[in-house]
PDB file of N, CA and C in Angstrom:
ATOM      1  N   UNK A   1     -10.425  -2.355  -9.629  1.00  0.00           N
ATOM      2  CA  UNK A   1      -9.135  -2.504 -10.278  1.00  0.00           C
ATOM      3  C   UNK A   1      -9.349  -2.837 -11.748  1.00  0.00           C
ATOM      4  N   UNK A   2      -8.477  -2.380 -12.578  1.00  0.00           N
ATOM      5  CA  UNK A   2      -8.608  -2.549 -14.014  1.00  0.00           C
ATOM      6  C   UNK A   2      -8.451  -4.017 -14.409  1.00  0.00           C
ATOM      7  N   UNK A   3      -7.993  -4.887 -13.556  1.00  0.00           N
ATOM      8  CA  UNK A   3      -7.910  -6.292 -13.853  1.00  0.00           C
ATOM      9  C   UNK A   3      -6.508  -6.772 -14.153  1.00  0.00           C
ATOM     10  N   UNK A   4      -5.519  -6.058 -13.741  1.00  0.00           N
ATOM     11  CA  UNK A   4      -4.149  -6.464 -13.992  1.00  0.00           C
ATOM     12  C   UNK A   4      -3.655  -7.284 -12.809  1.00  0.00           C
ATOM     13  N   UNK A   5      -3.819  -8.617 -12.926  1.00  0.00           N
ATOM     14  CA  UNK A   5      -3.433  -9.501 -11.831  1.00  0.00           C
ATOM     15  C   UNK A   5      -1.942  -9.452 -11.546  1.00  0.00           C
ATOM     16  N   UNK A   6      -1.146  -9.242 -12.577  1.00  0.00           N
ATOM     17  CA  UNK A   6       0.301  -9.176 -12.394  1.00  0.00           C
ATOM     18  C   UNK A   6       0.683  -7.989 -11.508  1.00  0.00           C
ATOM     19  N   UNK A   7       0.044  -6.872 -11.710  1.00  0.00           N
ATOM     20  CA  UNK A   7       0.331  -5.695 -10.890  1.00  0.00           C
ATOM     21  C   UNK A   7      -0.083  -5.948  -9.448  1.00  0.00           C
ATOM     22  N   UNK A   8      -1.229  -6.598  -9.243  1.00  0.00           N
ATOM     23  CA  UNK A   8      -1.680  -6.916  -7.884  1.00  0.00           C
ATOM     24  C   UNK A   8      -0.695  -7.869  -7.203  1.00  0.00           C
ATOM     25  N   UNK A   9      -0.209  -8.850  -7.936  1.00  0.00           N
ATOM     26  CA  UNK A   9       0.772  -9.784  -7.359  1.00  0.00           C
ATOM     27  C   UNK A   9       2.063  -9.049  -7.010  1.00  0.00           C
ATOM     28  N   UNK A  10       2.455  -8.096  -7.849  1.00  0.00           N
ATOM     29  CA  UNK A  10       3.650  -7.315  -7.557  1.00  0.00           C
ATOM     30  C   UNK A  10       3.455  -6.512  -6.275  1.00  0.00           C
ATOM     31  N   UNK A  11       2.277  -5.915  -6.106  1.00  0.00           N
ATOM     32  CA  UNK A  11       1.974  -5.164  -4.882  1.00  0.00           C
ATOM     33  C   UNK A  11       2.010  -6.093  -3.666  1.00  0.00           C
ATOM     34  N   UNK A  12       1.475  -7.305  -3.808  1.00  0.00           N
ATOM     35  CA  UNK A  12       1.526  -8.278  -2.707  1.00  0.00           C
ATOM     36  C   UNK A  12       2.974  -8.630  -2.359  1.00  0.00           C
ATOM     37  N   UNK A  13       3.802  -8.810  -3.395  1.00  0.00           N
ATOM     38  CA  UNK A  13       5.213  -9.083  -3.173  1.00  0.00           C
ATOM     39  C   UNK A  13       5.866  -7.931  -2.398  1.00  0.00           C
ATOM     40  N   UNK A  14       5.571  -6.701  -2.814  1.00  0.00           N
ATOM     41  CA  UNK A  14       6.144  -5.539  -2.143  1.00  0.00           C
ATOM     42  C   UNK A  14       5.754  -5.516  -0.667  1.00  0.00           C
ATOM     43  N   UNK A  15       4.480  -5.791  -0.382  1.00  0.00           N
ATOM     44  CA  UNK A  15       4.024  -5.809   1.008  1.00  0.00           C
ATOM     45  C   UNK A  15       4.734  -6.899   1.812  1.00  0.00           C
ATOM     46  N   UNK A  16       4.829  -8.092   1.239  1.00  0.00           N
ATOM     47  CA  UNK A  16       5.491  -9.194   1.938  1.00  0.00           C
ATOM     48  C   UNK A  16       6.960  -8.850   2.203  1.00  0.00           C
ATOM     49  N   UNK A  17       7.616  -8.270   1.204  1.00  0.00           N
ATOM     50  CA  UNK A  17       9.005  -7.885   1.393  1.00  0.00           C
ATOM     51  C   UNK A  17       9.141  -6.819   2.473  1.00  0.00           C
ATOM     52  N   UNK A  18       8.272  -5.828   2.448  1.00  0.00           N
ATOM     53  CA  UNK A  18       8.334  -4.749   3.432  1.00  0.00           C
ATOM     54  C   UNK A  18       8.180  -5.299   4.849  1.00  0.00           C
ATOM     55  N   UNK A  19       7.270  -6.267   5.017  1.00  0.00           N
ATOM     56  CA  UNK A  19       7.078  -6.860   6.349  1.00  0.00           C
ATOM     57  C   UNK A  19       8.268  -7.733   6.743  1.00  0.00           C
ATOM     58  N   UNK A  20       8.891  -8.396   5.777  1.00  0.00           N
ATOM     59  CA  UNK A  20       9.990  -9.322   6.088  1.00  0.00           C
ATOM     60  C   UNK A  20      11.281  -8.610   6.499  1.00  0.00           C
ATOM     61  N   UNK A  21      11.424  -7.355   6.139  1.00  0.00           N
ATOM     62  CA  UNK A  21      12.664  -6.633   6.451  1.00  0.00           C
ATOM     63  C   UNK A  21      12.970  -6.640   7.936  1.00  0.00           C
ATOM     64  N   UNK A  22      11.926  -6.616   8.755  1.00  0.00           N
ATOM     65  CA  UNK A  22      12.132  -6.519  10.201  1.00  0.00           C
ATOM     66  C   UNK A  22      12.598  -7.834  10.813  1.00  0.00           C
ATOM     67  N   UNK A  23      12.656  -8.884  10.030  1.00  0.00           N
ATOM     68  CA  UNK A  23      13.223 -10.133  10.536  1.00  0.00           C
ATOM     69  C   UNK A  23      14.741 -10.036  10.632  1.00  0.00           C
ATOM     70  N   UNK A  24      15.321  -9.167   9.844  1.00  0.00           N
ATOM     71  CA  UNK A  24      16.776  -9.015   9.814  1.00  0.00           C
ATOM     72  C   UNK A  24      17.265  -7.690  10.386  1.00  0.00           C
ATOM     73  N   UNK A  25      16.450  -6.665  10.270  1.00  0.00           N
ATOM     74  CA  UNK A  25      16.875  -5.323  10.684  1.00  0.00           C
ATOM     75  C   UNK A  25      15.846  -4.732  11.642  1.00  0.00           C
ATOM     76  N   UNK A  26      16.262  -3.784  12.484  1.00  0.00           N
ATOM     77  CA  UNK A  26      15.331  -3.189  13.456  1.00  0.00           C
ATOM     78  C   UNK A  26      14.161  -2.464  12.782  1.00  0.00           C
ATOM     79  N   UNK A  27      12.984  -2.633  13.345  1.00  0.00           N
ATOM     80  CA  UNK A  27      11.773  -1.983  12.837  1.00  0.00           C
ATOM     81  C   UNK A  27      11.937  -0.467  12.794  1.00  0.00           C
ATOM     82  N   UNK A  28      12.728   0.079  13.692  1.00  0.00           N
ATOM     83  CA  UNK A  28      12.897   1.536  13.763  1.00  0.00           C
ATOM     84  C   UNK A  28      13.540   2.114  12.494  1.00  0.00           C
ATOM     85  N   UNK A  29      14.133   1.284  11.660  1.00  0.00           N
ATOM     86  CA  UNK A  29      14.741   1.761  10.421  1.00  0.00           C
ATOM     87  C   UNK A  29      13.717   2.014   9.329  1.00  0.00           C
ATOM     88  N   UNK A  30      12.515   1.477   9.506  1.00  0.00           N
ATOM     89  CA  UNK A  30      11.514   1.533   8.448  1.00  0.00           C
ATOM     90  C   UNK A  30      10.273   2.247   8.950  1.00  0.00           C
ATOM     91  N   UNK A  31       9.657   3.003   8.108  1.00  0.00           N
ATOM     92  CA  UNK A  31       8.429   3.653   8.488  1.00  0.00           C
ATOM     93  C   UNK A  31       7.869   4.494   7.360  1.00  0.00           C
ATOM     94  N   UNK A  32       6.869   3.966   6.733  1.00  0.00           N
ATOM     95  CA  UNK A  32       6.190   4.673   5.663  1.00  0.00           C
ATOM     96  C   UNK A  32       4.717   4.268   5.708  1.00  0.00           C
ATOM     97  N   UNK A  33       4.032   4.631   6.791  1.00  0.00           N
ATOM     98  CA  UNK A  33       2.646   4.166   6.964  1.00  0.00           C
ATOM     99  C   UNK A  33       1.727   4.533   5.807  1.00  0.00           C
ATOM    100  N   UNK A  34       1.925   5.684   5.201  1.00  0.00           N
ATOM    101  CA  UNK A  34       1.030   6.068   4.109  1.00  0.00           C
ATOM    102  C   UNK A  34       1.180   5.113   2.925  1.00  0.00           C
ATOM    103  N   UNK A  35       2.393   4.726   2.604  1.00  0.00           N
ATOM    104  CA  UNK A  35       2.623   3.797   1.505  1.00  0.00           C
ATOM    105  C   UNK A  35       2.042   2.424   1.842  1.00  0.00           C
ATOM    106  N   UNK A  36       2.210   1.999   3.098  1.00  0.00           N
ATOM    107  CA  UNK A  36       1.624   0.720   3.526  1.00  0.00           C
ATOM    108  C   UNK A  36       0.106   0.741   3.356  1.00  0.00           C
ATOM    109  N   UNK A  37      -0.531   1.838   3.729  1.00  0.00           N
ATOM    110  CA  UNK A  37      -1.982   1.965   3.575  1.00  0.00           C
ATOM    111  C   UNK A  37      -2.373   1.864   2.103  1.00  0.00           C
ATOM    112  N   UNK A  38      -1.677   2.579   1.250  1.00  0.00           N
ATOM    113  CA  UNK A  38      -2.016   2.569  -0.174  1.00  0.00           C
ATOM    114  C   UNK A  38      -1.824   1.182  -0.786  1.00  0.00           C
ATOM    115  N   UNK A  39      -0.713   0.540  -0.472  1.00  0.00           N
ATOM    116  CA  UNK A  39      -0.479  -0.808  -1.002  1.00  0.00           C
ATOM    117  C   UNK A  39      -1.523  -1.800  -0.500  1.00  0.00           C
ATOM    118  N   UNK A  40      -1.812  -1.762   0.799  1.00  0.00           N
ATOM    119  CA  UNK A  40      -2.787  -2.689   1.371  1.00  0.00           C
ATOM    120  C   UNK A  40      -4.164  -2.494   0.740  1.00  0.00           C
ATOM    121  N   UNK A  41      -4.566  -1.259   0.563  1.00  0.00           N
ATOM    122  CA  UNK A  41      -5.882  -1.000  -0.030  1.00  0.00           C
ATOM    123  C   UNK A  41      -5.913  -1.387  -1.505  1.00  0.00           C
ATOM    124  N   UNK A  42      -4.810  -1.240  -2.189  1.00  0.00           N
ATOM    125  CA  UNK A  42      -4.734  -1.668  -3.578  1.00  0.00           C
ATOM    126  C   UNK A  42      -4.918  -3.183  -3.680  1.00  0.00           C
ATOM    127  N   UNK A  43      -4.192  -3.916  -2.848  1.00  0.00           N
ATOM    128  CA  UNK A  43      -4.291  -5.380  -2.857  1.00  0.00           C
ATOM    129  C   UNK A  43      -5.683  -5.818  -2.403  1.00  0.00           C
ATOM    130  N   UNK A  44      -6.224  -5.168  -1.385  1.00  0.00           N
ATOM    131  CA  UNK A  44      -7.568  -5.517  -0.906  1.00  0.00           C
ATOM    132  C   UNK A  44      -8.587  -5.358  -2.027  1.00  0.00           C
ATOM    133  N   UNK A  45      -8.466  -4.290  -2.795  1.00  0.00           N
ATOM    134  CA  UNK A  45      -9.384  -4.079  -3.909  1.00  0.00           C
ATOM    135  C   UNK A  45      -9.249  -5.200  -4.935  1.00  0.00           C
ATOM    136  N   UNK A  46      -8.016  -5.601  -5.220  1.00  0.00           N
ATOM    137  CA  UNK A  46      -7.781  -6.676  -6.186  1.00  0.00           C
ATOM    138  C   UNK A  46      -8.393  -7.989  -5.703  1.00  0.00           C
ATOM    139  N   UNK A  47      -8.414  -8.190  -4.394  1.00  0.00           N
ATOM    140  CA  UNK A  47      -8.993  -9.404  -3.814  1.00  0.00           C
ATOM    141  C   UNK A  47     -10.500  -9.292  -3.614  1.00  0.00           C
ATOM    142  N   UNK A  48     -11.025  -8.082  -3.789  1.00  0.00           N
ATOM    143  CA  UNK A  48     -12.460  -7.876  -3.592  1.00  0.00           C
ATOM    144  C   UNK A  48     -12.877  -7.839  -2.134  1.00  0.00           C
ATOM    145  N   UNK A  49     -11.977  -7.385  -1.268  1.00  0.00           N
ATOM    146  CA  UNK A  49     -12.286  -7.271   0.161  1.00  0.00           C
ATOM    147  C   UNK A  49     -12.089  -5.823   0.601  1.00  0.00           C
ATOM    148  N   UNK A  50     -12.613  -5.504   1.748  1.00  0.00           N
ATOM    149  CA  UNK A  50     -12.422  -4.176   2.332  1.00  0.00           C
ATOM    150  C   UNK A  50     -11.631  -4.339   3.625  1.00  0.00           C
ATOM    151  N   UNK A  51     -10.854  -3.340   3.921  1.00  0.00           N
ATOM    152  CA  UNK A  51     -10.058  -3.335   5.146  1.00  0.00           C
ATOM    153  C   UNK A  51     -10.345  -2.066   5.926  1.00  0.00           C
ATOM    154  N   UNK A  52     -10.129  -2.156   7.216  1.00  0.00           N
ATOM    155  CA  UNK A  52     -10.222  -0.979   8.072  1.00  0.00           C
ATOM    156  C   UNK A  52      -8.813  -0.463   8.341  1.00  0.00           C
ATOM    157  N   UNK A  53      -8.754   0.768   8.761  1.00  0.00           N
ATOM    158  CA  UNK A  53      -7.473   1.329   9.153  1.00  0.00           C
ATOM    159  C   UNK A  53      -6.843   0.548  10.293  1.00  0.00           C
ATOM    160  N   UNK A  54      -7.665   0.040  11.197  1.00  0.00           N
ATOM    161  CA  UNK A  54      -7.150  -0.738  12.321  1.00  0.00           C
ATOM    162  C   UNK A  54      -6.471  -2.022  11.838  1.00  0.00           C
ATOM    163  N   UNK A  55      -7.091  -2.701  10.879  1.00  0.00           N
ATOM    164  CA  UNK A  55      -6.493  -3.925  10.347  1.00  0.00           C
ATOM    165  C   UNK A  55      -5.132  -3.648   9.723  1.00  0.00           C
ATOM    166  N   UNK A  56      -5.055  -2.570   8.978  1.00  0.00           N
ATOM    167  CA  UNK A  56      -3.793  -2.227   8.331  1.00  0.00           C
ATOM    168  C   UNK A  56      -2.756  -1.821   9.366  1.00  0.00           C
ATOM    169  N   UNK A  57      -3.151  -1.006  10.326  1.00  0.00           N
ATOM    170  CA  UNK A  57      -2.182  -0.550  11.329  1.00  0.00           C
ATOM    171  C   UNK A  57      -1.683  -1.715  12.175  1.00  0.00           C
ATOM    172  N   UNK A  58      -2.552  -2.677  12.483  1.00  0.00           N
ATOM    173  CA  UNK A  58      -2.112  -3.847  13.251  1.00  0.00           C
ATOM    174  C   UNK A  58      -1.180  -4.719  12.416  1.00  0.00           C
ATOM    175  N   UNK A  59      -1.504  -4.889  11.152  1.00  0.00           N
ATOM    176  CA  UNK A  59      -0.667  -5.714  10.269  1.00  0.00           C
ATOM    177  C   UNK A  59       0.739  -5.142  10.165  1.00  0.00           C
ATOM    178  N   UNK A  60       0.856  -3.818  10.175  1.00  0.00           N
ATOM    179  CA  UNK A  60       2.158  -3.166  10.020  1.00  0.00           C
ATOM    180  C   UNK A  60       2.705  -2.641  11.345  1.00  0.00           C
ATOM    181  N   UNK A  61       2.039  -2.968  12.413  1.00  0.00           N
ATOM    182  CA  UNK A  61       2.447  -2.551  13.760  1.00  0.00           C
ATOM    183  C   UNK A  61       2.681  -1.036  13.839  1.00  0.00           C
ATOM    184  N   UNK A  62       1.717  -0.310  13.289  1.00  0.00           N
ATOM    185  CA  UNK A  62       1.722   1.147  13.351  1.00  0.00           C
ATOM    186  C   UNK A  62       0.813   1.565  14.503  1.00  0.00           C
ATOM    187  N   UNK A  63       1.236   2.507  15.293  1.00  0.00           N
ATOM    188  CA  UNK A  63       0.417   2.930  16.425  1.00  0.00           C
ATOM    189  C   UNK A  63      -0.905   3.526  15.923  1.00  0.00           C
ATOM    190  N   UNK A  64      -1.971   3.369  16.700  1.00  0.00           N
ATOM    191  CA  UNK A  64      -3.264   3.933  16.296  1.00  0.00           C
ATOM    192  C   UNK A  64      -3.207   5.436  16.040  1.00  0.00           C
ATOM    193  N   UNK A  65      -2.455   6.164  16.847  1.00  0.00           N
ATOM    194  CA  UNK A  65      -2.369   7.619  16.674  1.00  0.00           C
ATOM    195  C   UNK A  65      -1.721   7.968  15.334  1.00  0.00           C
ATOM    196  N   UNK A  66      -0.651   7.288  14.989  1.00  0.00           N
ATOM    197  CA  UNK A  66       0.040   7.542  13.718  1.00  0.00           C
ATOM    198  C   UNK A  66      -0.860   7.146  12.549  1.00  0.00           C
ATOM    199  N   UNK A  67      -1.503   5.985  12.657  1.00  0.00           N
ATOM    200  CA  UNK A  67      -2.396   5.521  11.595  1.00  0.00           C
ATOM    201  C   UNK A  67      -3.547   6.499  11.386  1.00  0.00           C
ATOM    202  N   UNK A  68      -4.116   6.987  12.461  1.00  0.00           N
ATOM    203  CA  UNK A  68      -5.224   7.930  12.371  1.00  0.00           C
ATOM    204  C   UNK A  68      -4.801   9.218  11.666  1.00  0.00           C
ATOM    205  N   UNK A  69      -3.624   9.714  12.006  1.00  0.00           N
ATOM    206  CA  UNK A  69      -3.120  10.934  11.348  1.00  0.00           C
ATOM    207  C   UNK A  69      -2.944  10.703   9.846  1.00  0.00           C
ATOM    208  N   UNK A  70      -2.402   9.546   9.472  1.00  0.00           N
ATOM    209  CA  UNK A  70      -2.215   9.270   8.048  1.00  0.00           C
ATOM    210  C   UNK A  70      -3.540   9.078   7.334  1.00  0.00           C
ATOM    211  N   UNK A  71      -4.513   8.486   8.002  1.00  0.00           N
ATOM    212  CA  UNK A  71      -5.840   8.347   7.384  1.00  0.00           C
ATOM    213  C   UNK A  71      -6.436   9.707   7.070  1.00  0.00           C
ATOM    214  N   UNK A  72      -6.311  10.623   8.005  1.00  0.00           N
ATOM    215  CA  UNK A  72      -6.816  11.974   7.780  1.00  0.00           C
ATOM    216  C   UNK A  72      -6.109  12.626   6.594  1.00  0.00           C
ATOM    217  N   UNK A  73      -4.809  12.454   6.547  1.00  0.00           N
ATOM    218  CA  UNK A  73      -4.033  13.069   5.469  1.00  0.00           C
ATOM    219  C   UNK A  73      -4.379  12.440   4.119  1.00  0.00           C
ATOM    220  N   UNK A  74      -4.432  11.124   4.054  1.00  0.00           N
ATOM    221  CA  UNK A  74      -4.761  10.443   2.798  1.00  0.00           C
ATOM    222  C   UNK A  74      -6.167  10.797   2.332  1.00  0.00           C
ATOM    223  N   UNK A  75      -7.084  10.979   3.285  1.00  0.00           N
ATOM    224  CA  UNK A  75      -8.450  11.403   2.933  1.00  0.00           C
ATOM    225  C   UNK A  75      -8.444  12.820   2.389  1.00  0.00           C
ATOM    226  N   UNK A  76      -7.714  13.701   3.058  1.00  0.00           N
ATOM    227  CA  UNK A  76      -7.647  15.093   2.622  1.00  0.00           C
ATOM    228  C   UNK A  76      -7.012  15.217   1.233  1.00  0.00           C
ATOM    229  N   UNK A  77      -6.085  14.321   0.918  1.00  0.00           N
ATOM    230  CA  UNK A  77      -5.439  14.322  -0.398  1.00  0.00           C
ATOM    231  C   UNK A  77      -6.326  13.694  -1.469  1.00  0.00           C
ATOM    232  N   UNK A  78      -7.463  13.133  -1.053  1.00  0.00           N
ATOM    233  CA  UNK A  78      -8.374  12.508  -2.006  1.00  0.00           C
ATOM    234  C   UNK A  78      -7.919  11.140  -2.481  1.00  0.00           C
ATOM    235  N   UNK A  79      -7.065  10.481  -1.699  1.00  0.00           N
ATOM    236  CA  UNK A  79      -6.529   9.185  -2.102  1.00  0.00           C
ATOM    237  C   UNK A  79      -7.325   8.009  -1.557  1.00  0.00           C
ATOM    238  N   UNK A  80      -7.965   8.190  -0.415  1.00  0.00           N
ATOM    239  CA  UNK A  80      -8.779   7.107   0.131  1.00  0.00           C
ATOM    240  C   UNK A  80     -10.188   7.600   0.405  1.00  0.00           C
ATOM    241  N   UNK A  81     -11.101   6.659   0.371  1.00  0.00           N
ATOM    242  CA  UNK A  81     -12.499   6.942   0.683  1.00  0.00           C
ATOM    243  C   UNK A  81     -12.831   6.158   1.934  1.00  0.00           C
ATOM    244  N   UNK A  82     -13.410   6.821   2.862  1.00  0.00           N
ATOM    245  CA  UNK A  82     -13.773   6.259   4.157  1.00  0.00           C
ATOM    246  C   UNK A  82     -14.110   7.430   5.042  1.00  0.00           C
ATOM    247  N   UNK A  83     -13.815   7.293   6.281  1.00  0.00           N
ATOM    248  CA  UNK A  83     -14.081   8.382   7.210  1.00  0.00           C
ATOM    249  C   UNK A  83     -12.844   9.269   7.286  1.00  0.00           C
ATOM    250  N   UNK A  84     -12.950  10.465   6.820  1.00  0.00           N
ATOM    251  CA  UNK A  84     -11.841  11.404   6.850  1.00  0.00           C
ATOM    252  C   UNK A  84     -11.469  11.887   8.227  1.00  0.00           C
ATOM    253  N   UNK A  85     -12.204  11.430   9.247  1.00  0.00           N
ATOM    254  CA  UNK A  85     -11.900  11.864  10.612  1.00  0.00           C
ATOM    255  C   UNK A  85     -10.792  11.029  11.242  1.00  0.00           C
ATOM    256  N   UNK A  86     -10.306  10.004  10.537  1.00  0.00           N
ATOM    257  CA  UNK A  86      -9.233   9.176  11.087  1.00  0.00           C
ATOM    258  C   UNK A  86      -9.728   8.014  11.914  1.00  0.00           C
ATOM    259  N   UNK A  87     -11.017   7.697  11.838  1.00  0.00           N
ATOM    260  CA  UNK A  87     -11.584   6.567  12.577  1.00  0.00           C
ATOM    261  C   UNK A  87     -10.999   5.280  12.023  1.00  0.00           C
ATOM    262  N   UNK A  88     -10.282   4.535  12.846  1.00  0.00           N
ATOM    263  CA  UNK A  88      -9.606   3.326  12.392  1.00  0.00           C
ATOM    264  C   UNK A  88     -10.548   2.171  12.092  1.00  0.00           C
ATOM    265  N   UNK A  89     -11.792   2.262  12.512  1.00  0.00           N
ATOM    266  CA  UNK A  89     -12.715   1.142  12.335  1.00  0.00           C
ATOM    267  C   UNK A  89     -13.602   1.262  11.102  1.00  0.00           C
ATOM    268  N   UNK A  90     -13.464   2.322  10.341  1.00  0.00           N
ATOM    269  CA  UNK A  90     -14.229   2.464   9.104  1.00  0.00           C
ATOM    270  C   UNK A  90     -13.575   1.659   7.998  1.00  0.00           C
ATOM    271  N   UNK A  91     -14.417   1.071   7.140  1.00  0.00           N
ATOM    272  CA  UNK A  91     -13.880   0.393   5.965  1.00  0.00           C
ATOM    273  C   UNK A  91     -13.372   1.443   4.988  1.00  0.00           C
ATOM    274  N   UNK A  92     -12.261   1.130   4.354  1.00  0.00           N
ATOM    275  CA  UNK A  92     -11.599   2.081   3.471  1.00  0.00           C
ATOM    276  C   UNK A  92     -11.447   1.492   2.084  1.00  0.00           C
ATOM    277  N   UNK A  93     -11.306   2.351   1.115  1.00  0.00           N
ATOM    278  CA  UNK A  93     -10.981   1.959  -0.242  1.00  0.00           C
ATOM    279  C   UNK A  93     -10.200   3.090  -0.888  1.00  0.00           C
ATOM    280  N   UNK A  94      -9.458   2.754  -1.914  1.00  0.00           N
ATOM    281  CA  UNK A  94      -8.776   3.797  -2.674  1.00  0.00           C
ATOM    282  C   UNK A  94      -9.798   4.556  -3.510  1.00  0.00           C
ATOM    283  N   UNK A  95      -9.565   5.837  -3.689  1.00  0.00           N
ATOM    284  CA  UNK A  95     -10.403   6.606  -4.611  1.00  0.00           C
ATOM    285  C   UNK A  95     -10.085   6.145  -6.028  1.00  0.00           C
ATOM    286  N   UNK A  96     -10.944   6.486  -6.967  1.00  0.00           N
ATOM    287  CA  UNK A  96     -10.694   6.139  -8.361  1.00  0.00           C
ATOM    288  C   UNK A  96      -9.386   6.709  -8.867  1.00  0.00           C
ATOM    289  N   UNK A  97      -9.120   7.958  -8.525  1.00  0.00           N
ATOM    290  CA  UNK A  97      -7.873   8.597  -8.956  1.00  0.00           C
ATOM    291  C   UNK A  97      -6.655   7.897  -8.349  1.00  0.00           C
ATOM    292  N   UNK A  98      -6.750   7.542  -7.067  1.00  0.00           N
ATOM    293  CA  UNK A  98      -5.638   6.853  -6.411  1.00  0.00           C
ATOM    294  C   UNK A  98      -5.420   5.476  -7.033  1.00  0.00           C
ATOM    295  N   UNK A  99      -6.510   4.790  -7.371  1.00  0.00           N
ATOM    296  CA  UNK A  99      -6.392   3.467  -7.988  1.00  0.00           C
ATOM    297  C   UNK A  99      -5.642   3.571  -9.315  1.00  0.00           C
ATOM    298  N   UNK A 100      -5.996   4.547 -10.127  1.00  0.00           N
ATOM    299  CA  UNK A 100      -5.318   4.729 -11.413  1.00  0.00           C
ATOM    300  C   UNK A 100      -3.837   5.044 -11.214  1.00  0.00           C
ATOM    301  N   UNK A 101      -3.537   5.920 -10.252  1.00  0.00           N
ATOM    302  CA  UNK A 101      -2.145   6.287  -9.989  1.00  0.00           C
ATOM    303  C   UNK A 101      -1.343   5.095  -9.473  1.00  0.00           C
ATOM    304  N   UNK A 102      -1.946   4.317  -8.575  1.00  0.00           N
ATOM    305  CA  UNK A 102      -1.253   3.142  -8.038  1.00  0.00           C
ATOM    306  C   UNK A 102      -1.012   2.120  -9.142  1.00  0.00           C
ATOM    307  N   UNK A 103      -1.999   1.907  -9.993  1.00  0.00           N
ATOM    308  CA  UNK A 103      -1.821   0.963 -11.099  1.00  0.00           C
ATOM    309  C   UNK A 103      -0.662   1.381 -12.000  1.00  0.00           C
ATOM    310  N   UNK A 104      -0.613   2.661 -12.356  1.00  0.00           N
ATOM    311  CA  UNK A 104       0.473   3.150 -13.214  1.00  0.00           C
ATOM    312  C   UNK A 104       1.821   3.007 -12.520  1.00  0.00           C
ATOM    313  N   UNK A 105       1.873   3.408 -11.269  1.00  0.00           N
ATOM    314  CA  UNK A 105       3.122   3.348 -10.518  1.00  0.00           C
ATOM    315  C   UNK A 105       3.610   1.919 -10.362  1.00  0.00           C
ATOM    316  N   UNK A 106       2.712   1.016  -9.986  1.00  0.00           N
ATOM    317  CA  UNK A 106       3.104  -0.376  -9.792  1.00  0.00           C
ATOM    318  C   UNK A 106       3.444  -1.051 -11.114  1.00  0.00           C
ATOM    319  N   UNK A 107       2.728  -0.705 -12.162  1.00  0.00           N
ATOM    320  CA  UNK A 107       3.045  -1.258 -13.487  1.00  0.00           C
ATOM    321  C   UNK A 107       4.437  -0.816 -13.912  1.00  0.00           C
ATOM    322  N   UNK A 108       4.741   0.449 -13.733  1.00  0.00           N
ATOM    323  CA  UNK A 108       6.058   0.970 -14.083  1.00  0.00           C
ATOM    324  C   UNK A 108       7.149   0.294 -13.256  1.00  0.00           C
ATOM    325  N   UNK A 109       6.920   0.162 -11.960  1.00  0.00           N
ATOM    326  CA  UNK A 109       7.903  -0.482 -11.079  1.00  0.00           C
ATOM    327  C   UNK A 109       8.101  -1.937 -11.461  1.00  0.00           C
ATOM    328  N   UNK A 110       7.029  -2.620 -11.808  1.00  0.00           N
ATOM    329  CA  UNK A 110       7.116  -4.017 -12.203  1.00  0.00           C
ATOM    330  C   UNK A 110       7.925  -4.172 -13.490  1.00  0.00           C
ATOM    331  N   UNK A 111       7.673  -3.313 -14.448  1.00  0.00           N
ATOM    332  CA  UNK A 111       8.414  -3.351 -15.713  1.00  0.00           C
ATOM    333  C   UNK A 111       9.883  -3.034 -15.457  1.00  0.00           C
ATOM    334  N   UNK A 112      10.143  -2.011 -14.659  1.00  0.00           N
ATOM    335  CA  UNK A 112      11.514  -1.628 -14.347  1.00  0.00           C
ATOM    336  C   UNK A 112      12.253  -2.762 -13.645  1.00  0.00           C
ATOM    337  N   UNK A 113      11.559  -3.455 -12.763  1.00  0.00           N
ATOM    338  CA  UNK A 113      12.169  -4.583 -12.051  1.00  0.00           C
ATOM    339  C   UNK A 113      12.613  -5.635 -13.052  1.00  0.00           C
ATOM    340  N   UNK A 114      11.744  -5.980 -13.984  1.00  0.00           N
ATOM    341  CA  UNK A 114      12.073  -7.008 -14.960  1.00  0.00           C
ATOM    342  C   UNK A 114      13.151  -6.541 -15.939  1.00  0.00           C
ATOM    343  N   UNK A 115      13.081  -5.315 -16.373  1.00  0.00           N
ATOM    344  CA  UNK A 115      14.087  -4.786 -17.285  1.00  0.00           C
ATOM    345  C   UNK A 115      15.440  -4.759 -16.596  1.00  0.00           C
ATOM    346  N   UNK A 116      15.468  -4.295 -15.365  1.00  0.00           N
ATOM    347  CA  UNK A 116      16.724  -4.210 -14.621  1.00  0.00           C
ATOM    348  C   UNK A 116      17.329  -5.560 -14.338  1.00  0.00           C
ATOM    349  N   UNK A 117      16.488  -6.555 -14.029  1.00  0.00           N
ATOM    350  CA  UNK A 117      17.002  -7.887 -13.731  1.00  0.00           C
ATOM    351  C   UNK A 117      17.431  -8.627 -14.989  1.00  0.00           C
ATOM    352  N   UNK A 118      16.756  -8.361 -16.089  1.00  0.00           N
ATOM    353  CA  UNK A 118      17.034  -9.082 -17.325  1.00  0.00           C
ATOM    354  C   UNK A 118      18.119  -8.431 -18.184  1.00  0.00           C
ATOM    355  N   UNK A 119      18.462  -7.217 -17.855  1.00  0.00           N
ATOM    356  CA  UNK A 119      19.413  -6.480 -18.683  1.00  0.00           C
ATOM    357  C   UNK A 119      20.669  -6.178 -17.857  1.00  0.00           C
ATOM    358  N   UNK A 120      21.745  -6.932 -18.055  1.00  0.00           N
ATOM    359  CA  UNK A 120      22.968  -6.729 -17.236  1.00  0.00           C
ATOM    360  C   UNK A 120      23.570  -5.340 -17.381  1.00  0.00           C
ATOM    361  N   UNK A 121      23.309  -4.650 -18.505  1.00  0.00           N
ATOM    362  CA  UNK A 121      23.859  -3.297 -18.692  1.00  0.00           C
ATOM    363  C   UNK A 121      23.224  -2.281 -17.772  1.00  0.00           C
ATOM    364  N   UNK A 122      22.037  -2.570 -17.239  1.00  0.00           N
ATOM    365  CA  UNK A 122      21.342  -1.610 -16.375  1.00  0.00           C
ATOM    366  C   UNK A 122      21.829  -1.691 -14.938  1.00  0.00           C
ATOM    367  N   UNK A 123      22.642  -2.650 -14.612  1.00  0.00           N
ATOM    368  CA  UNK A 123      23.117  -2.816 -13.213  1.00  0.00           C
ATOM    369  C   UNK A 123      24.297  -1.966 -12.923  1.00  0.00           C
TER     370      UNK A 123
END
């Protein structure tokens, strides 16, 4: 990671919020396993740890079959590095290109969040 702790904290906030939604609303309303994988791997990189697909799928209560399919797809897209066969027990990391894209996206979202909250005309 380029060292932007604020962006990593924003990603952690997004993950916590995404998990908390199911306390109020049915889990069946939400489902974006690929985004969960990307966010989790981004935060893991910022913390200097590695995660497996199984850890991520269990954290988000995604079925192993669905998680495996998304791992294959994310690998084929060149976004994650690990076992492209969908093995949930391999350690994963974001590719360099994915890391740069996630940093830009999260930085933009973080700025937009602050601009929108601080500027009453944007509401």
